[in-house]
């Protein structure tokens, strides 16, 4: 989800709820402690220099049970970030504290913002020799010519 999309969704909501991949909700007294831009400049395992830029939202839950972040307040924080930081209409990555800091994608189901799982991947499959997919072989099609047989002396 991009910045423009979350602002659009927030404009139609009375309250904000974030749903974790397991279906549970981030406690309603969460805070958005950061809205920013993260630049990642790196070299992949194939030696290719790459750059990624995402908008970053950090969710944090405190023991401030009386505090609730309203949609218009989050829109204000986002717009402040656009103005002060020059935040563009980037894809959003959400950080949330579980047993460690987790990074999530963001989606919307019409009611809740969904924290979606992210996966690592090799970006240089063609350079590091990892096959894209393990070939599937039917055992009844495997050639047996020259294969070991009982008493053949090869085992």
C-alpha atoms as a PDB file:
ATOM      1  CA  UNK A   1       0.000   0.000   0.000  1.00  0.00           C
ATOM      2  CA  UNK A   2       1.230   3.471  -0.839  1.00  0.00           C
ATOM      3  CA  UNK A   3       0.996   6.686   1.172  1.00  0.00           C
ATOM      4  CA  UNK A   4      -1.822   8.050  -1.019  1.00  0.00           C
ATOM      5  CA  UNK A   5      -3.834   4.860  -0.466  1.00  0.00           C
ATOM      6  CA  UNK A   6      -3.604   4.904   3.336  1.00  0.00           C
ATOM      7  CA  UNK A   7      -4.632   8.569   3.409  1.00  0.00           C
ATOM      8  CA  UNK A   8      -7.611   7.740   1.217  1.00  0.00           C
ATOM      9  CA  UNK A   9      -8.663   4.823   3.458  1.00  0.00           C
ATOM     10  CA  UNK A  10      -8.187   6.878   6.636  1.00  0.00           C
ATOM     11  CA  UNK A  11     -10.533   9.574   5.345  1.00  0.00           C
ATOM     12  CA  UNK A  12     -13.440   7.105   5.498  1.00  0.00           C
ATOM     13  CA  UNK A  13     -12.752   5.671   8.967  1.00  0.00           C
ATOM     14  CA  UNK A  14     -13.885   6.583  12.472  1.00  0.00           C
ATOM     15  CA  UNK A  15     -11.196   4.452  14.126  1.00  0.00           C
ATOM     16  CA  UNK A  16      -7.951   2.759  13.142  1.00  0.00           C
ATOM     17  CA  UNK A  17      -7.287  -0.940  13.642  1.00  0.00           C
ATOM     18  CA  UNK A  18      -4.249  -2.934  12.557  1.00  0.00           C
ATOM     19  CA  UNK A  19      -4.645  -6.693  12.143  1.00  0.00           C
ATOM     20  CA  UNK A  20      -1.682  -9.044  12.446  1.00  0.00           C
ATOM     21  CA  UNK A  21      -1.211 -11.974  10.038  1.00  0.00           C
ATOM     22  CA  UNK A  22      -2.603 -14.386  12.663  1.00  0.00           C
ATOM     23  CA  UNK A  23      -5.889 -12.420  12.773  1.00  0.00           C
ATOM     24  CA  UNK A  24      -5.286 -10.780  16.158  1.00  0.00           C
ATOM     25  CA  UNK A  25      -5.469  -7.006  16.463  1.00  0.00           C
ATOM     26  CA  UNK A  26      -2.750  -4.630  17.581  1.00  0.00           C
ATOM     27  CA  UNK A  27      -4.098  -3.283  20.904  1.00  0.00           C
ATOM     28  CA  UNK A  28      -6.219  -0.187  20.306  1.00  0.00           C
ATOM     29  CA  UNK A  29      -3.990   1.970  22.514  1.00  0.00           C
ATOM     30  CA  UNK A  30      -1.082   1.745  20.034  1.00  0.00           C
ATOM     31  CA  UNK A  31       0.886   4.805  18.976  1.00  0.00           C
ATOM     32  CA  UNK A  32       2.465   5.523  15.607  1.00  0.00           C
ATOM     33  CA  UNK A  33       5.838   6.595  16.951  1.00  0.00           C
ATOM     34  CA  UNK A  34       7.517   7.163  13.587  1.00  0.00           C
ATOM     35  CA  UNK A  35       6.547   7.995  10.037  1.00  0.00           C
ATOM     36  CA  UNK A  36       9.618   8.245   7.881  1.00  0.00           C
ATOM     37  CA  UNK A  37      11.515   7.297   4.806  1.00  0.00           C
ATOM     38  CA  UNK A  38      14.029   4.452   4.799  1.00  0.00           C
ATOM     39  CA  UNK A  39      16.740   4.187   2.142  1.00  0.00           C
ATOM     40  CA  UNK A  40      18.447   0.830   1.723  1.00  0.00           C
ATOM     41  CA  UNK A  41      21.604   0.855  -0.410  1.00  0.00           C
ATOM     42  CA  UNK A  42      23.156  -2.586  -0.763  1.00  0.00           C
ATOM     43  CA  UNK A  43      24.961  -5.124  -2.908  1.00  0.00           C
ATOM     44  CA  UNK A  44      23.199  -8.410  -3.575  1.00  0.00           C
ATOM     45  CA  UNK A  45      24.987 -11.780  -3.617  1.00  0.00           C
ATOM     46  CA  UNK A  46      25.503 -11.429  -7.378  1.00  0.00           C
ATOM     47  CA  UNK A  47      27.443  -8.174  -6.954  1.00  0.00           C
ATOM     48  CA  UNK A  48      24.649  -5.879  -8.195  1.00  0.00           C
ATOM     49  CA  UNK A  49      24.296  -2.553  -6.376  1.00  0.00           C
ATOM     50  CA  UNK A  50      20.668  -1.885  -5.481  1.00  0.00           C
ATOM     51  CA  UNK A  51      18.611   0.801  -3.759  1.00  0.00           C
ATOM     52  CA  UNK A  52      15.208   0.487  -2.131  1.00  0.00           C
ATOM     53  CA  UNK A  53      13.193   3.340  -0.624  1.00  0.00           C
ATOM     54  CA  UNK A  54      10.064   2.799   1.482  1.00  0.00           C
ATOM     55  CA  UNK A  55       7.886   4.818   3.797  1.00  0.00           C
ATOM     56  CA  UNK A  56       8.162   3.435   7.316  1.00  0.00           C
ATOM     57  CA  UNK A  57       5.501   3.455  10.021  1.00  0.00           C
ATOM     58  CA  UNK A  58       6.454   2.243  13.473  1.00  0.00           C
ATOM     59  CA  UNK A  59       3.639   0.984  15.709  1.00  0.00           C
ATOM     60  CA  UNK A  60       4.209   0.848  19.436  1.00  0.00           C
ATOM     61  CA  UNK A  61       1.940  -0.069  22.284  1.00  0.00           C
ATOM     62  CA  UNK A  62       2.394   1.641  25.599  1.00  0.00           C
ATOM     63  CA  UNK A  63       0.580   1.398  28.897  1.00  0.00           C
ATOM     64  CA  UNK A  64      -1.292   4.589  27.952  1.00  0.00           C
ATOM     65  CA  UNK A  65      -4.720   2.954  27.735  1.00  0.00           C
ATOM     66  CA  UNK A  66      -6.568   6.275  27.463  1.00  0.00           C
ATOM     67  CA  UNK A  67      -4.758   7.288  24.283  1.00  0.00           C
ATOM     68  CA  UNK A  68      -6.314   6.395  20.940  1.00  0.00           C
ATOM     69  CA  UNK A  69      -4.934   7.482  17.594  1.00  0.00           C
ATOM     70  CA  UNK A  70      -7.747   8.835  15.446  1.00  0.00           C
ATOM     71  CA  UNK A  71      -7.639   8.692  11.632  1.00  0.00           C
ATOM     72  CA  UNK A  72      -7.413  12.465  11.187  1.00  0.00           C
ATOM     73  CA  UNK A  73      -4.423  12.594  13.570  1.00  0.00           C
ATOM     74  CA  UNK A  74      -2.566   9.934  11.567  1.00  0.00           C
ATOM     75  CA  UNK A  75      -3.336  11.811   8.338  1.00  0.00           C
ATOM     76  CA  UNK A  76      -1.875  14.938   9.980  1.00  0.00           C
ATOM     77  CA  UNK A  77       1.310  13.040  10.946  1.00  0.00           C
ATOM     78  CA  UNK A  78       1.651  11.667   7.401  1.00  0.00           C
ATOM     79  CA  UNK A  79       1.122  15.103   5.843  1.00  0.00           C
ATOM     80  CA  UNK A  80       3.680  16.612   8.219  1.00  0.00           C
ATOM     81  CA  UNK A  81       6.153  13.931   7.098  1.00  0.00           C
ATOM     82  CA  UNK A  82       5.415  14.709   3.450  1.00  0.00           C
ATOM     83  CA  UNK A  83       6.001  18.418   4.039  1.00  0.00           C
ATOM     84  CA  UNK A  84       9.020  18.304   6.384  1.00  0.00           C
ATOM     85  CA  UNK A  85      10.798  15.157   5.153  1.00  0.00           C
ATOM     86  CA  UNK A  86       9.758  15.345   1.507  1.00  0.00           C
ATOM     87  CA  UNK A  87       8.065  11.950   1.882  1.00  0.00           C
ATOM     88  CA  UNK A  88       6.866  10.781  -1.540  1.00  0.00           C
ATOM     89  CA  UNK A  89       4.048   8.397  -2.459  1.00  0.00           C
ATOM     90  CA  UNK A  90       6.057   5.317  -1.489  1.00  0.00           C
ATOM     91  CA  UNK A  91       5.147   1.772  -0.525  1.00  0.00           C
ATOM     92  CA  UNK A  92       4.631   1.492   3.230  1.00  0.00           C
ATOM     93  CA  UNK A  93       6.526  -0.889   5.481  1.00  0.00           C
ATOM     94  CA  UNK A  94       5.262  -1.228   9.055  1.00  0.00           C
ATOM     95  CA  UNK A  95       7.454  -2.081  12.046  1.00  0.00           C
ATOM     96  CA  UNK A  96       5.757  -3.657  15.039  1.00  0.00           C
ATOM     97  CA  UNK A  97       7.245  -5.137  18.201  1.00  0.00           C
ATOM     98  CA  UNK A  98       6.490  -8.825  18.707  1.00  0.00           C
ATOM     99  CA  UNK A  99       9.160 -11.079  20.202  1.00  0.00           C
ATOM    100  CA  UNK A 100      11.474  -8.919  18.052  1.00  0.00           C
ATOM    101  CA  UNK A 101      10.820  -6.045  15.681  1.00  0.00           C
ATOM    102  CA  UNK A 102       8.820  -7.396  12.755  1.00  0.00           C
ATOM    103  CA  UNK A 103       8.545  -5.769   9.347  1.00  0.00           C
ATOM    104  CA  UNK A 104       5.258  -6.034   7.521  1.00  0.00           C
ATOM    105  CA  UNK A 105       3.636  -4.945   4.307  1.00  0.00           C
ATOM    106  CA  UNK A 106       0.304  -3.146   4.530  1.00  0.00           C
ATOM    107  CA  UNK A 107      -3.093  -3.865   2.999  1.00  0.00           C
ATOM    108  CA  UNK A 108      -6.700  -2.906   3.797  1.00  0.00           C
ATOM    109  CA  UNK A 109      -9.799  -5.107   3.951  1.00  0.00           C
ATOM    110  CA  UNK A 110     -12.389  -2.322   4.146  1.00  0.00           C
ATOM    111  CA  UNK A 111     -12.338  -2.254   7.957  1.00  0.00           C
ATOM    112  CA  UNK A 112      -8.831  -3.019   9.233  1.00  0.00           C
ATOM    113  CA  UNK A 113      -5.345  -2.316   8.002  1.00  0.00           C
ATOM    114  CA  UNK A 114      -3.706  -5.704   7.505  1.00  0.00           C
ATOM    115  CA  UNK A 115      -0.081  -6.252   8.459  1.00  0.00           C
ATOM    116  CA  UNK A 116       1.049  -8.670   5.761  1.00  0.00           C
ATOM    117  CA  UNK A 117       4.013 -10.999   5.972  1.00  0.00           C
ATOM    118  CA  UNK A 118       7.188 -10.252   4.065  1.00  0.00           C
ATOM    119  CA  UNK A 119       9.728 -12.796   2.868  1.00  0.00           C
ATOM    120  CA  UNK A 120      13.394 -12.617   2.069  1.00  0.00           C
ATOM    121  CA  UNK A 121      14.559 -13.736  -1.366  1.00  0.00           C
ATOM    122  CA  UNK A 122      17.706 -14.096  -3.403  1.00  0.00           C
ATOM    123  CA  UNK A 123      17.816 -11.213  -5.872  1.00  0.00           C
ATOM    124  CA  UNK A 124      20.538 -12.787  -8.014  1.00  0.00           C
ATOM    125  CA  UNK A 125      19.290 -16.320  -8.614  1.00  0.00           C
ATOM    126  CA  UNK A 126      20.974 -16.419 -12.014  1.00  0.00           C
ATOM    127  CA  UNK A 127      24.370 -15.542 -10.506  1.00  0.00           C
ATOM    128  CA  UNK A 128      24.565 -17.691  -7.381  1.00  0.00           C
ATOM    129  CA  UNK A 129      23.446 -21.034  -8.786  1.00  0.00           C
ATOM    130  CA  UNK A 130      20.265 -21.521  -6.786  1.00  0.00           C
ATOM    131  CA  UNK A 131      17.697 -23.194  -9.024  1.00  0.00           C
ATOM    132  CA  UNK A 132      14.462 -21.223  -9.337  1.00  0.00           C
ATOM    133  CA  UNK A 133      12.432 -24.312  -8.502  1.00  0.00           C
ATOM    134  CA  UNK A 134      13.397 -27.860  -7.676  1.00  0.00           C
ATOM    135  CA  UNK A 135      12.705 -29.978 -10.756  1.00  0.00           C
ATOM    136  CA  UNK A 136       9.923 -32.519 -10.307  1.00  0.00           C
ATOM    137  CA  UNK A 137      10.657 -35.977 -11.630  1.00  0.00           C
ATOM    138  CA  UNK A 138       8.275 -38.910 -11.995  1.00  0.00           C
ATOM    139  CA  UNK A 139      10.053 -41.987 -10.708  1.00  0.00           C
ATOM    140  CA  UNK A 140       8.501 -44.213 -13.379  1.00  0.00           C
ATOM    141  CA  UNK A 141      10.153 -42.036 -16.052  1.00  0.00           C
ATOM    142  CA  UNK A 142      13.676 -42.263 -14.626  1.00  0.00           C
ATOM    143  CA  UNK A 143      16.050 -44.091 -16.982  1.00  0.00           C
ATOM    144  CA  UNK A 144      17.520 -47.174 -15.375  1.00  0.00           C
ATOM    145  CA  UNK A 145      20.106 -48.013 -18.033  1.00  0.00           C
ATOM    146  CA  UNK A 146      23.462 -48.441 -16.382  1.00  0.00           C
ATOM    147  CA  UNK A 147      21.895 -48.309 -12.930  1.00  0.00           C
ATOM    148  CA  UNK A 148      23.023 -50.545 -10.127  1.00  0.00           C
ATOM    149  CA  UNK A 149      21.279 -53.876  -9.965  1.00  0.00           C
ATOM    150  CA  UNK A 150      21.596 -56.647  -7.423  1.00  0.00           C
ATOM    151  CA  UNK A 151      24.702 -58.621  -8.205  1.00  0.00           C
ATOM    152  CA  UNK A 152      25.849 -56.016 -10.772  1.00  0.00           C
ATOM    153  CA  UNK A 153      28.975 -55.191  -8.760  1.00  0.00           C
ATOM    154  CA  UNK A 154      28.435 -51.431  -8.624  1.00  0.00           C
ATOM    155  CA  UNK A 155      27.294 -51.177  -4.999  1.00  0.00           C
END
